[in-house]
N, C-alpha and C. Protein backbone atom coordinates (compact mmCIF):
# COMPACT_ATOMS: atom_id res chain seq x y z
N MET A 1 77.94 72.61 125.17
CA MET A 1 77.76 73.43 126.36
C MET A 1 77.28 72.57 127.51
N GLN A 2 77.86 72.73 128.70
CA GLN A 2 77.49 71.91 129.83
C GLN A 2 76.20 72.40 130.44
N SER A 3 75.59 71.54 131.23
CA SER A 3 74.34 71.91 131.87
C SER A 3 74.59 72.99 132.90
N ILE A 4 73.58 73.78 133.20
CA ILE A 4 73.68 74.87 134.15
C ILE A 4 73.23 74.39 135.52
N SER A 5 74.08 74.52 136.51
CA SER A 5 73.73 74.08 137.84
C SER A 5 72.70 75.02 138.44
N PRO A 6 71.87 74.52 139.39
CA PRO A 6 70.86 75.39 140.00
C PRO A 6 71.44 76.66 140.59
N ALA A 7 72.65 76.57 141.15
CA ALA A 7 73.26 77.75 141.77
C ALA A 7 73.60 78.82 140.74
N ASN A 8 73.86 78.40 139.50
CA ASN A 8 74.25 79.34 138.45
C ASN A 8 73.10 79.77 137.55
N ARG A 9 71.91 79.26 137.81
CA ARG A 9 70.77 79.63 136.97
C ARG A 9 70.38 81.08 137.23
N PRO A 10 70.06 81.82 136.17
CA PRO A 10 69.65 83.21 136.37
C PRO A 10 68.37 83.30 137.18
N HIS A 11 68.29 84.32 138.03
CA HIS A 11 67.08 84.58 138.79
C HIS A 11 65.94 84.87 137.81
N PRO A 12 64.68 84.54 138.17
CA PRO A 12 63.56 84.80 137.25
C PRO A 12 63.50 86.23 136.74
N TRP A 13 63.81 87.20 137.62
CA TRP A 13 63.76 88.59 137.13
C TRP A 13 64.86 88.86 136.13
N ALA A 14 66.00 88.19 136.32
CA ALA A 14 67.11 88.35 135.37
C ALA A 14 66.75 87.72 134.03
N GLN A 15 66.05 86.59 134.06
CA GLN A 15 65.62 85.95 132.83
C GLN A 15 64.64 86.86 132.07
N ALA A 16 63.73 87.49 132.81
CA ALA A 16 62.79 88.42 132.17
C ALA A 16 63.53 89.60 131.54
N ALA A 17 64.57 90.08 132.24
CA ALA A 17 65.35 91.20 131.71
C ALA A 17 66.06 90.79 130.42
N LEU A 18 66.54 89.56 130.36
CA LEU A 18 67.20 89.08 129.16
C LEU A 18 66.25 89.09 127.97
N LEU A 19 65.01 88.65 128.21
CA LEU A 19 64.03 88.59 127.13
C LEU A 19 63.57 89.98 126.67
N LEU A 20 63.71 90.96 127.55
CA LEU A 20 63.24 92.31 127.22
C LEU A 20 64.33 93.19 126.63
N ALA A 21 65.57 92.72 126.61
CA ALA A 21 66.67 93.56 126.15
C ALA A 21 66.52 93.94 124.68
N ALA A 22 66.21 92.96 123.83
CA ALA A 22 66.07 93.26 122.40
C ALA A 22 64.88 94.15 122.10
N PRO A 23 63.68 93.87 122.67
CA PRO A 23 62.57 94.81 122.46
C PRO A 23 62.90 96.23 122.93
N ALA A 24 63.70 96.34 124.01
CA ALA A 24 64.07 97.67 124.50
C ALA A 24 64.90 98.42 123.46
N ILE A 25 65.77 97.70 122.75
CA ILE A 25 66.55 98.33 121.69
C ILE A 25 65.64 98.88 120.60
N LEU A 26 64.63 98.10 120.23
CA LEU A 26 63.70 98.55 119.19
C LEU A 26 62.91 99.77 119.66
N TRP A 27 62.51 99.77 120.92
CA TRP A 27 61.75 100.92 121.41
C TRP A 27 62.61 102.17 121.50
N LEU A 28 63.87 102.01 121.88
CA LEU A 28 64.77 103.15 121.87
C LEU A 28 64.96 103.67 120.44
N GLY A 29 65.07 102.74 119.50
CA GLY A 29 65.17 103.15 118.10
C GLY A 29 63.94 103.88 117.63
N ALA A 30 62.78 103.39 118.03
CA ALA A 30 61.53 104.04 117.63
C ALA A 30 61.45 105.46 118.18
N LEU A 31 61.90 105.63 119.43
CA LEU A 31 61.90 106.97 120.01
C LEU A 31 62.87 107.88 119.26
N GLY A 32 63.99 107.32 118.86
CA GLY A 32 64.99 108.11 118.15
C GLY A 32 64.53 108.57 116.78
N ILE A 33 63.86 107.71 116.04
CA ILE A 33 63.46 108.08 114.68
C ILE A 33 62.28 109.04 114.67
N SER A 34 61.54 109.07 115.78
CA SER A 34 60.37 109.95 115.82
C SER A 34 60.67 111.30 116.46
N ALA A 35 61.83 111.42 117.11
CA ALA A 35 62.15 112.65 117.83
C ALA A 35 62.54 113.76 116.87
N GLY A 36 61.71 114.78 116.79
CA GLY A 36 62.04 115.98 116.03
C GLY A 36 62.00 115.87 114.53
N THR A 37 61.49 114.78 114.00
CA THR A 37 61.49 114.62 112.54
C THR A 37 60.15 114.99 111.91
N GLU A 38 59.09 115.08 112.71
CA GLU A 38 57.75 115.41 112.23
C GLU A 38 57.33 114.49 111.09
N GLY A 39 57.70 113.23 111.20
CA GLY A 39 57.29 112.25 110.21
C GLY A 39 58.18 112.17 108.99
N ARG A 40 59.16 113.06 108.88
CA ARG A 40 60.06 113.04 107.74
C ARG A 40 61.29 112.19 108.05
N PRO A 41 61.88 111.56 107.04
CA PRO A 41 63.11 110.81 107.30
C PRO A 41 64.24 111.74 107.70
N SER A 42 65.11 111.27 108.58
CA SER A 42 66.24 112.07 109.01
C SER A 42 67.24 112.23 107.88
N GLU A 43 68.21 113.13 108.06
CA GLU A 43 69.25 113.31 107.06
C GLU A 43 70.05 112.01 106.88
N PHE A 44 70.26 111.31 107.98
CA PHE A 44 70.98 110.03 107.91
C PHE A 44 70.23 109.03 107.04
N ASP A 45 68.92 108.90 107.27
CA ASP A 45 68.11 107.96 106.49
C ASP A 45 68.08 108.36 105.01
N ALA A 46 67.89 109.65 104.76
CA ALA A 46 67.82 110.12 103.37
C ALA A 46 69.15 109.88 102.65
N ALA A 47 70.26 110.14 103.34
CA ALA A 47 71.57 109.94 102.73
C ALA A 47 71.85 108.46 102.48
N GLY A 48 71.44 107.61 103.42
CA GLY A 48 71.64 106.17 103.26
C GLY A 48 70.86 105.61 102.09
N MET A 49 69.63 106.04 101.93
CA MET A 49 68.82 105.55 100.82
C MET A 49 69.35 106.05 99.48
N ALA A 50 69.84 107.28 99.47
CA ALA A 50 70.41 107.83 98.24
C ALA A 50 71.67 107.05 97.86
N LEU A 51 72.48 106.71 98.86
CA LEU A 51 73.68 105.93 98.60
C LEU A 51 73.34 104.56 98.03
N ALA A 52 72.35 103.90 98.62
CA ALA A 52 71.94 102.58 98.14
C ALA A 52 71.40 102.66 96.72
N ALA A 53 70.67 103.71 96.42
CA ALA A 53 70.07 103.86 95.08
C ALA A 53 71.13 104.04 94.00
N ARG A 54 72.31 104.51 94.38
CA ARG A 54 73.36 104.72 93.39
C ARG A 54 73.87 103.39 92.82
N GLY A 55 73.58 102.29 93.49
CA GLY A 55 74.02 100.99 93.00
C GLY A 55 73.04 100.29 92.09
N HIS A 56 71.96 100.96 91.74
CA HIS A 56 70.95 100.34 90.89
C HIS A 56 71.49 100.09 89.48
N MET A 57 71.44 98.85 89.10
CA MET A 57 71.77 98.42 87.74
C MET A 57 71.14 97.05 87.57
N PRO A 58 70.85 96.64 86.36
CA PRO A 58 70.05 95.41 86.17
C PRO A 58 70.58 94.18 86.91
N LEU A 59 71.88 93.92 86.83
CA LEU A 59 72.42 92.73 87.46
C LEU A 59 72.32 92.81 88.98
N ALA A 60 72.67 93.96 89.54
CA ALA A 60 72.58 94.14 91.00
C ALA A 60 71.14 94.09 91.47
N ASP A 61 70.24 94.69 90.71
CA ASP A 61 68.83 94.66 91.09
C ASP A 61 68.30 93.23 91.15
N ALA A 62 68.64 92.43 90.15
CA ALA A 62 68.18 91.04 90.13
C ALA A 62 68.78 90.25 91.28
N PHE A 63 70.06 90.51 91.58
CA PHE A 63 70.71 89.79 92.68
C PHE A 63 70.04 90.09 94.01
N PHE A 64 69.80 91.37 94.28
CA PHE A 64 69.23 91.73 95.58
C PHE A 64 67.75 91.36 95.68
N ARG A 65 67.04 91.30 94.56
CA ARG A 65 65.67 90.79 94.60
C ARG A 65 65.64 89.33 95.03
N THR A 66 66.70 88.60 94.70
CA THR A 66 66.78 87.19 95.05
C THR A 66 67.30 86.98 96.47
N ILE A 67 68.41 87.64 96.80
CA ILE A 67 69.07 87.40 98.09
C ILE A 67 68.21 87.88 99.25
N THR A 68 67.32 88.84 98.99
CA THR A 68 66.49 89.35 100.08
C THR A 68 65.58 88.26 100.66
N TRP A 69 65.30 87.22 99.86
CA TRP A 69 64.47 86.12 100.35
C TRP A 69 65.16 85.33 101.46
N ALA A 70 66.47 85.47 101.59
CA ALA A 70 67.19 84.78 102.67
C ALA A 70 66.82 85.33 104.05
N GLY A 71 66.09 86.43 104.08
CA GLY A 71 65.60 86.96 105.34
C GLY A 71 64.13 86.71 105.58
N SER A 72 63.48 86.01 104.65
CA SER A 72 62.04 85.76 104.76
C SER A 72 61.76 84.60 105.71
N ILE A 73 60.72 84.74 106.50
CA ILE A 73 60.33 83.66 107.41
C ILE A 73 59.89 82.44 106.62
N LEU A 74 59.42 82.62 105.40
CA LEU A 74 58.99 81.50 104.57
C LEU A 74 60.16 80.61 104.16
N VAL A 75 61.34 81.19 104.11
CA VAL A 75 62.55 80.43 103.78
C VAL A 75 63.24 79.93 105.04
N LEU A 76 63.34 80.79 106.04
CA LEU A 76 64.12 80.46 107.23
C LEU A 76 63.43 79.45 108.15
N MET A 77 62.10 79.52 108.27
CA MET A 77 61.43 78.62 109.21
C MET A 77 61.55 77.15 108.81
N PRO A 78 61.35 76.78 107.54
CA PRO A 78 61.58 75.37 107.18
C PRO A 78 63.00 74.91 107.48
N LEU A 79 63.99 75.78 107.26
CA LEU A 79 65.37 75.42 107.57
C LEU A 79 65.55 75.23 109.07
N ALA A 80 64.94 76.12 109.86
CA ALA A 80 65.06 76.02 111.31
C ALA A 80 64.41 74.74 111.84
N LEU A 81 63.26 74.40 111.30
CA LEU A 81 62.57 73.19 111.75
C LEU A 81 63.34 71.93 111.35
N ALA A 82 63.90 71.94 110.15
CA ALA A 82 64.71 70.79 109.72
C ALA A 82 65.92 70.62 110.62
N TYR A 83 66.57 71.72 110.96
CA TYR A 83 67.72 71.68 111.85
C TYR A 83 67.32 71.12 113.22
N ALA A 84 66.15 71.56 113.70
CA ALA A 84 65.68 71.11 115.01
C ALA A 84 65.38 69.61 115.02
N LEU A 85 64.83 69.11 113.94
CA LEU A 85 64.52 67.68 113.88
C LEU A 85 65.79 66.84 113.93
N PHE A 86 66.81 67.28 113.22
CA PHE A 86 68.09 66.55 113.27
C PHE A 86 68.71 66.64 114.66
N ALA A 87 68.61 67.81 115.28
CA ALA A 87 69.17 67.98 116.62
C ALA A 87 68.41 67.15 117.65
N TRP A 88 67.10 67.01 117.46
CA TRP A 88 66.27 66.24 118.40
C TRP A 88 66.69 64.77 118.44
N ARG A 89 67.09 64.25 117.31
CA ARG A 89 67.49 62.84 117.24
C ARG A 89 68.70 62.57 118.14
N ARG A 90 69.50 63.60 118.38
CA ARG A 90 70.69 63.41 119.21
C ARG A 90 70.49 63.89 120.64
N LEU A 91 69.79 65.01 120.83
CA LEU A 91 69.70 65.61 122.15
C LEU A 91 68.51 65.13 122.97
N ARG A 92 67.34 64.98 122.32
CA ARG A 92 66.12 64.61 123.01
C ARG A 92 65.82 65.56 124.17
N SER A 93 65.98 66.85 123.92
CA SER A 93 65.69 67.85 124.94
C SER A 93 65.24 69.13 124.26
N ALA A 94 64.78 70.09 125.07
CA ALA A 94 64.32 71.36 124.52
C ALA A 94 65.42 72.09 123.78
N ALA A 95 66.67 71.80 124.10
CA ALA A 95 67.79 72.48 123.45
C ALA A 95 67.77 72.30 121.93
N ALA A 96 67.16 71.21 121.47
CA ALA A 96 67.11 70.94 120.03
C ALA A 96 66.30 71.99 119.29
N PHE A 97 65.39 72.67 119.98
CA PHE A 97 64.47 73.60 119.33
C PHE A 97 64.87 75.05 119.52
N PHE A 98 66.11 75.27 119.90
CA PHE A 98 66.58 76.65 120.10
C PHE A 98 66.45 77.49 118.83
N LEU A 99 66.85 76.95 117.70
CA LEU A 99 66.84 77.72 116.45
C LEU A 99 65.44 78.14 116.03
N PRO A 100 64.45 77.22 115.93
CA PRO A 100 63.11 77.69 115.57
C PRO A 100 62.48 78.60 116.62
N ALA A 101 62.75 78.33 117.90
CA ALA A 101 62.20 79.21 118.94
C ALA A 101 62.77 80.61 118.83
N ALA A 102 64.06 80.70 118.54
CA ALA A 102 64.70 82.00 118.38
C ALA A 102 64.12 82.74 117.18
N LEU A 103 63.88 82.04 116.10
CA LEU A 103 63.35 82.66 114.89
C LEU A 103 61.91 83.12 115.09
N VAL A 104 61.10 82.31 115.74
CA VAL A 104 59.71 82.70 116.01
C VAL A 104 59.69 83.95 116.88
N GLY A 105 60.51 83.96 117.92
CA GLY A 105 60.56 85.13 118.79
C GLY A 105 60.98 86.38 118.05
N ALA A 106 61.98 86.24 117.18
CA ALA A 106 62.45 87.39 116.41
C ALA A 106 61.36 87.92 115.48
N SER A 107 60.64 87.02 114.83
CA SER A 107 59.59 87.44 113.91
C SER A 107 58.44 88.12 114.64
N LEU A 108 58.03 87.54 115.76
CA LEU A 108 56.95 88.15 116.55
C LEU A 108 57.35 89.52 117.06
N MET A 109 58.59 89.63 117.51
CA MET A 109 59.08 90.91 118.01
C MET A 109 59.08 91.96 116.91
N ALA A 110 59.53 91.58 115.73
CA ALA A 110 59.59 92.52 114.61
C ALA A 110 58.19 93.01 114.23
N HIS A 111 57.25 92.09 114.09
CA HIS A 111 55.92 92.47 113.61
C HIS A 111 55.11 93.17 114.69
N ALA A 112 55.33 92.82 115.95
CA ALA A 112 54.65 93.55 117.03
C ALA A 112 55.13 95.00 117.07
N THR A 113 56.43 95.20 116.86
CA THR A 113 56.97 96.56 116.86
C THR A 113 56.45 97.34 115.65
N LYS A 114 56.35 96.68 114.50
CA LYS A 114 55.79 97.35 113.33
C LYS A 114 54.40 97.90 113.62
N ILE A 115 53.57 97.07 114.25
CA ILE A 115 52.20 97.50 114.55
C ILE A 115 52.20 98.65 115.53
N ALA A 116 53.07 98.57 116.55
CA ALA A 116 53.08 99.59 117.59
C ALA A 116 53.64 100.92 117.08
N VAL A 117 54.69 100.87 116.27
CA VAL A 117 55.36 102.09 115.82
C VAL A 117 54.69 102.67 114.58
N ALA A 118 54.29 101.80 113.65
CA ALA A 118 53.56 102.21 112.44
C ALA A 118 54.30 103.28 111.63
N ARG A 119 55.57 103.06 111.39
CA ARG A 119 56.33 104.00 110.57
C ARG A 119 56.02 103.75 109.10
N ASP A 120 55.76 104.84 108.37
CA ASP A 120 55.48 104.72 106.94
C ASP A 120 56.71 104.22 106.18
N ARG A 121 56.45 103.46 105.13
CA ARG A 121 57.53 103.03 104.25
C ARG A 121 58.10 104.23 103.50
N PRO A 122 59.32 104.10 102.97
CA PRO A 122 59.89 105.21 102.19
C PRO A 122 58.98 105.61 101.03
N ASP A 123 58.86 106.89 100.82
CA ASP A 123 58.02 107.42 99.73
C ASP A 123 58.87 107.55 98.47
N VAL A 124 59.24 106.37 97.95
CA VAL A 124 60.08 106.32 96.75
C VAL A 124 59.57 105.21 95.84
N ALA A 125 60.15 105.13 94.66
CA ALA A 125 59.81 104.05 93.74
C ALA A 125 60.70 102.84 94.07
N ALA A 126 60.13 101.87 94.76
CA ALA A 126 60.89 100.69 95.16
C ALA A 126 61.08 99.75 93.97
N LEU A 127 62.07 98.86 94.10
CA LEU A 127 62.36 97.92 93.02
C LEU A 127 61.51 96.65 93.10
N ILE A 128 60.75 96.51 94.17
CA ILE A 128 59.78 95.43 94.31
C ILE A 128 58.48 96.07 94.78
N ASP A 129 57.41 95.28 94.80
CA ASP A 129 56.17 95.80 95.36
C ASP A 129 56.39 96.20 96.81
N MET A 130 56.04 97.42 97.14
CA MET A 130 56.25 97.90 98.50
C MET A 130 55.43 97.08 99.47
N PRO A 131 56.06 96.48 100.49
CA PRO A 131 55.31 95.69 101.47
C PRO A 131 54.22 96.52 102.13
N ALA A 132 53.15 95.85 102.52
CA ALA A 132 51.99 96.56 103.07
C ALA A 132 52.17 96.90 104.54
N ASP A 133 53.07 96.19 105.24
CA ASP A 133 53.22 96.47 106.66
C ASP A 133 54.13 97.66 106.89
N ALA A 134 54.32 98.01 108.17
CA ALA A 134 55.09 99.20 108.51
C ALA A 134 56.58 98.99 108.26
N SER A 135 57.30 100.10 108.28
CA SER A 135 58.71 100.07 107.89
C SER A 135 59.64 99.67 109.03
N PHE A 136 59.37 100.12 110.24
CA PHE A 136 60.28 99.89 111.37
C PHE A 136 59.79 98.76 112.27
N PRO A 137 60.66 97.78 112.53
CA PRO A 137 62.01 97.57 112.00
C PRO A 137 61.96 96.68 110.76
N SER A 138 63.11 96.42 110.17
CA SER A 138 63.18 95.49 109.04
C SER A 138 63.07 94.06 109.55
N ALA A 139 61.95 93.42 109.28
CA ALA A 139 61.77 92.05 109.74
C ALA A 139 62.75 91.10 109.06
N HIS A 140 63.03 91.34 107.78
CA HIS A 140 64.00 90.49 107.08
C HIS A 140 65.36 90.53 107.75
N THR A 141 65.80 91.72 108.12
CA THR A 141 67.11 91.86 108.76
C THR A 141 67.11 91.23 110.15
N LEU A 142 66.07 91.48 110.91
CA LEU A 142 65.99 90.92 112.26
C LEU A 142 65.95 89.39 112.22
N GLN A 143 65.18 88.85 111.30
CA GLN A 143 65.07 87.40 111.18
C GLN A 143 66.36 86.77 110.68
N ALA A 144 66.99 87.39 109.70
CA ALA A 144 68.24 86.85 109.16
C ALA A 144 69.35 86.87 110.20
N SER A 145 69.49 87.98 110.92
CA SER A 145 70.54 88.06 111.94
C SER A 145 70.27 87.10 113.08
N SER A 146 69.02 86.96 113.48
CA SER A 146 68.68 86.03 114.55
C SER A 146 68.94 84.59 114.13
N PHE A 147 68.53 84.25 112.93
CA PHE A 147 68.73 82.89 112.44
C PHE A 147 70.22 82.56 112.36
N ALA A 148 71.01 83.46 111.78
CA ALA A 148 72.43 83.19 111.58
C ALA A 148 73.16 83.02 112.91
N LEU A 149 72.92 83.92 113.86
CA LEU A 149 73.61 83.83 115.14
C LEU A 149 73.11 82.63 115.95
N ALA A 150 71.80 82.36 115.89
CA ALA A 150 71.28 81.19 116.60
C ALA A 150 71.87 79.90 116.04
N TRP A 151 72.08 79.85 114.74
CA TRP A 151 72.71 78.69 114.12
C TRP A 151 74.15 78.54 114.59
N LEU A 152 74.85 79.67 114.74
CA LEU A 152 76.25 79.62 115.13
C LEU A 152 76.44 79.17 116.58
N ILE A 153 75.52 79.54 117.47
CA ILE A 153 75.72 79.26 118.89
C ILE A 153 74.66 78.31 119.44
N ALA A 154 73.99 77.58 118.56
CA ALA A 154 72.94 76.65 119.00
C ALA A 154 73.50 75.63 119.99
N PRO A 155 72.73 75.28 121.03
CA PRO A 155 73.21 74.30 122.01
C PRO A 155 73.43 72.91 121.44
N SER A 156 72.87 72.65 120.27
CA SER A 156 73.05 71.34 119.64
C SER A 156 74.45 71.16 119.05
N ARG A 157 75.23 72.24 118.94
CA ARG A 157 76.57 72.14 118.39
C ARG A 157 77.50 71.43 119.36
N SER A 158 78.39 70.63 118.82
CA SER A 158 79.35 69.91 119.64
C SER A 158 80.63 70.70 119.87
N GLY A 159 80.83 71.78 119.15
CA GLY A 159 82.02 72.61 119.31
C GLY A 159 81.78 74.00 118.79
N ARG A 160 82.82 74.81 118.84
CA ARG A 160 82.70 76.18 118.37
C ARG A 160 82.62 76.22 116.85
N PRO A 161 81.87 77.20 116.31
CA PRO A 161 81.79 77.30 114.84
C PRO A 161 83.13 77.70 114.24
N HIS A 162 83.35 77.28 113.02
CA HIS A 162 84.58 77.59 112.33
C HIS A 162 84.55 79.03 111.80
N VAL A 163 85.72 79.55 111.50
CA VAL A 163 85.83 80.90 110.95
C VAL A 163 85.03 81.01 109.65
N ALA A 164 85.05 79.95 108.85
CA ALA A 164 84.31 79.97 107.59
C ALA A 164 82.81 80.11 107.84
N GLU A 165 82.31 79.48 108.89
CA GLU A 165 80.88 79.59 109.22
C GLU A 165 80.55 81.01 109.68
N PHE A 166 81.40 81.59 110.50
CA PHE A 166 81.20 82.97 110.92
C PHE A 166 81.20 83.90 109.71
N SER A 167 82.14 83.69 108.83
CA SER A 167 82.26 84.54 107.65
C SER A 167 81.02 84.43 106.77
N LEU A 168 80.55 83.20 106.56
CA LEU A 168 79.35 82.98 105.75
C LEU A 168 78.15 83.68 106.37
N ALA A 169 78.00 83.56 107.68
CA ALA A 169 76.87 84.18 108.37
C ALA A 169 76.92 85.70 108.24
N ILE A 170 78.10 86.28 108.43
CA ILE A 170 78.24 87.73 108.34
C ILE A 170 77.92 88.23 106.94
N VAL A 171 78.43 87.54 105.94
CA VAL A 171 78.19 87.94 104.55
C VAL A 171 76.70 87.84 104.21
N LEU A 172 76.07 86.73 104.60
CA LEU A 172 74.66 86.53 104.27
C LEU A 172 73.78 87.58 104.94
N VAL A 173 74.01 87.80 106.23
CA VAL A 173 73.21 88.80 106.94
C VAL A 173 73.45 90.19 106.36
N GLY A 174 74.71 90.49 106.05
CA GLY A 174 75.01 91.79 105.46
C GLY A 174 74.31 92.00 104.13
N LEU A 175 74.27 90.96 103.31
CA LEU A 175 73.60 91.07 102.01
C LEU A 175 72.09 91.25 102.17
N VAL A 176 71.51 90.51 103.10
CA VAL A 176 70.07 90.66 103.33
C VAL A 176 69.76 92.07 103.82
N ALA A 177 70.55 92.55 104.76
CA ALA A 177 70.34 93.90 105.29
C ALA A 177 70.47 94.95 104.19
N TRP A 178 71.52 94.83 103.38
CA TRP A 178 71.71 95.82 102.31
C TRP A 178 70.64 95.70 101.24
N SER A 179 70.14 94.49 101.03
CA SER A 179 69.10 94.31 100.02
C SER A 179 67.86 95.14 100.32
N ARG A 180 67.55 95.30 101.60
CA ARG A 180 66.36 96.07 101.96
C ARG A 180 66.54 97.55 101.62
N LEU A 181 67.79 98.02 101.68
CA LEU A 181 68.08 99.40 101.28
C LEU A 181 68.17 99.52 99.77
N HIS A 182 68.85 98.57 99.14
CA HIS A 182 68.99 98.61 97.69
C HIS A 182 67.62 98.58 97.00
N LEU A 183 66.73 97.76 97.55
CA LEU A 183 65.38 97.67 96.98
C LEU A 183 64.52 98.86 97.35
N GLN A 184 65.02 99.71 98.26
CA GLN A 184 64.34 100.95 98.66
C GLN A 184 63.03 100.71 99.42
N VAL A 185 62.97 99.64 100.19
CA VAL A 185 61.76 99.35 100.96
C VAL A 185 61.93 99.65 102.44
N HIS A 186 63.15 100.04 102.85
CA HIS A 186 63.42 100.37 104.25
C HIS A 186 64.37 101.55 104.34
N PHE A 187 64.27 102.24 105.46
CA PHE A 187 65.25 103.26 105.82
C PHE A 187 66.45 102.59 106.50
N PRO A 188 67.63 103.21 106.47
CA PRO A 188 68.78 102.64 107.16
C PRO A 188 68.54 102.37 108.65
N THR A 189 67.82 103.26 109.33
CA THR A 189 67.57 103.03 110.76
C THR A 189 66.69 101.81 110.99
N ASP A 190 65.79 101.50 110.05
CA ASP A 190 65.00 100.27 110.16
C ASP A 190 65.91 99.05 110.20
N VAL A 191 66.94 99.10 109.37
CA VAL A 191 67.85 97.96 109.22
C VAL A 191 68.84 97.88 110.38
N LEU A 192 69.41 99.02 110.76
CA LEU A 192 70.42 99.01 111.81
C LEU A 192 69.87 98.59 113.16
N PHE A 193 68.71 99.11 113.52
CA PHE A 193 68.13 98.72 114.80
C PHE A 193 67.65 97.27 114.78
N ALA A 194 67.20 96.81 113.63
CA ALA A 194 66.81 95.40 113.51
C ALA A 194 68.02 94.50 113.68
N LEU A 195 69.14 94.90 113.09
CA LEU A 195 70.37 94.12 113.21
C LEU A 195 70.83 94.06 114.67
N ALA A 196 70.83 95.19 115.35
CA ALA A 196 71.24 95.21 116.75
C ALA A 196 70.30 94.38 117.62
N ALA A 197 69.01 94.51 117.38
CA ALA A 197 68.03 93.75 118.17
C ALA A 197 68.17 92.26 117.94
N GLY A 198 68.42 91.84 116.69
CA GLY A 198 68.58 90.43 116.40
C GLY A 198 69.76 89.82 117.13
N ILE A 199 70.89 90.54 117.15
CA ILE A 199 72.08 90.03 117.83
C ILE A 199 71.85 89.94 119.34
N VAL A 200 71.31 91.00 119.92
CA VAL A 200 71.06 91.00 121.37
C VAL A 200 70.03 89.94 121.74
N TRP A 201 69.01 89.78 120.91
CA TRP A 201 67.97 88.78 121.17
C TRP A 201 68.56 87.38 121.32
N ILE A 202 69.42 87.01 120.41
CA ILE A 202 69.98 85.66 120.43
C ILE A 202 70.96 85.48 121.58
N LEU A 203 71.82 86.46 121.81
CA LEU A 203 72.78 86.35 122.90
C LEU A 203 72.09 86.25 124.25
N CYS A 204 71.01 86.99 124.43
CA CYS A 204 70.27 86.93 125.69
C CYS A 204 69.46 85.64 125.80
N LEU A 205 68.79 85.28 124.72
CA LEU A 205 67.96 84.07 124.74
C LEU A 205 68.81 82.83 125.03
N ARG A 206 70.02 82.81 124.50
CA ARG A 206 70.88 81.65 124.67
C ARG A 206 71.28 81.41 126.12
N ARG A 207 71.22 82.44 126.94
CA ARG A 207 71.63 82.33 128.33
C ARG A 207 70.55 81.74 129.23
N LEU A 208 69.35 81.53 128.70
CA LEU A 208 68.29 80.96 129.52
C LEU A 208 68.57 79.48 129.79
N PRO A 209 68.32 79.01 131.00
CA PRO A 209 68.66 77.62 131.36
C PRO A 209 67.86 76.57 130.60
N ILE A 210 66.76 76.94 129.98
CA ILE A 210 65.95 75.95 129.25
C ILE A 210 66.74 75.30 128.13
N TRP A 211 67.78 76.00 127.64
CA TRP A 211 68.53 75.48 126.50
C TRP A 211 69.70 74.60 126.93
N SER A 212 69.77 74.30 128.21
CA SER A 212 70.80 73.36 128.65
C SER A 212 70.53 72.01 128.02
N LYS A 213 71.58 71.31 127.62
CA LYS A 213 71.42 70.02 126.97
C LYS A 213 70.81 68.99 127.90
N THR A 214 71.03 69.14 129.18
CA THR A 214 70.45 68.23 130.16
C THR A 214 69.66 69.05 131.15
N THR A 215 68.46 68.61 131.47
CA THR A 215 67.59 69.35 132.38
C THR A 215 67.28 68.53 133.59
């Protein structure tokens, strides 16, 4: 990606709007899940969880208990930092740290929203220990989608990602997202809004001039 000329740099207010787009999606989602439900899951959420529960079987349960870790910050952050170190050797600019910065922002956004919204976890027998934090949004899904898309469009890339890379990213994010439903630790709306926010977060963050290869 070429450097951004001063004339084409987004205005400061536009940059602020870019950073607020993903949190706005989460807040709209929070308003939607709380409207008229009186604390109960919507029919959509109940039906989605019932559908996911129909796939419970020993082999599938073991698979999703494992693949769900691909959305954990404990797994993704070391990968992001390693990627940044390799990129730094070539770029020597802030652009090298796009991936870890994107992941940190996604994680902070997810957990700040959890605290603010404080949605109860599903009242079901989960296949893993029920996480202690709030349900909305799914941090695993938001982090996985942010990491995958940031990897695909990172400024350190010398060209466009291949179809195989896109396919791998889509499959991995999809599996992580579904794992949260299969394990019964999230409602479908937790996952869907997290997925949307993760995609918008990266697309907007990438447009900031700080990630230009030359400053």
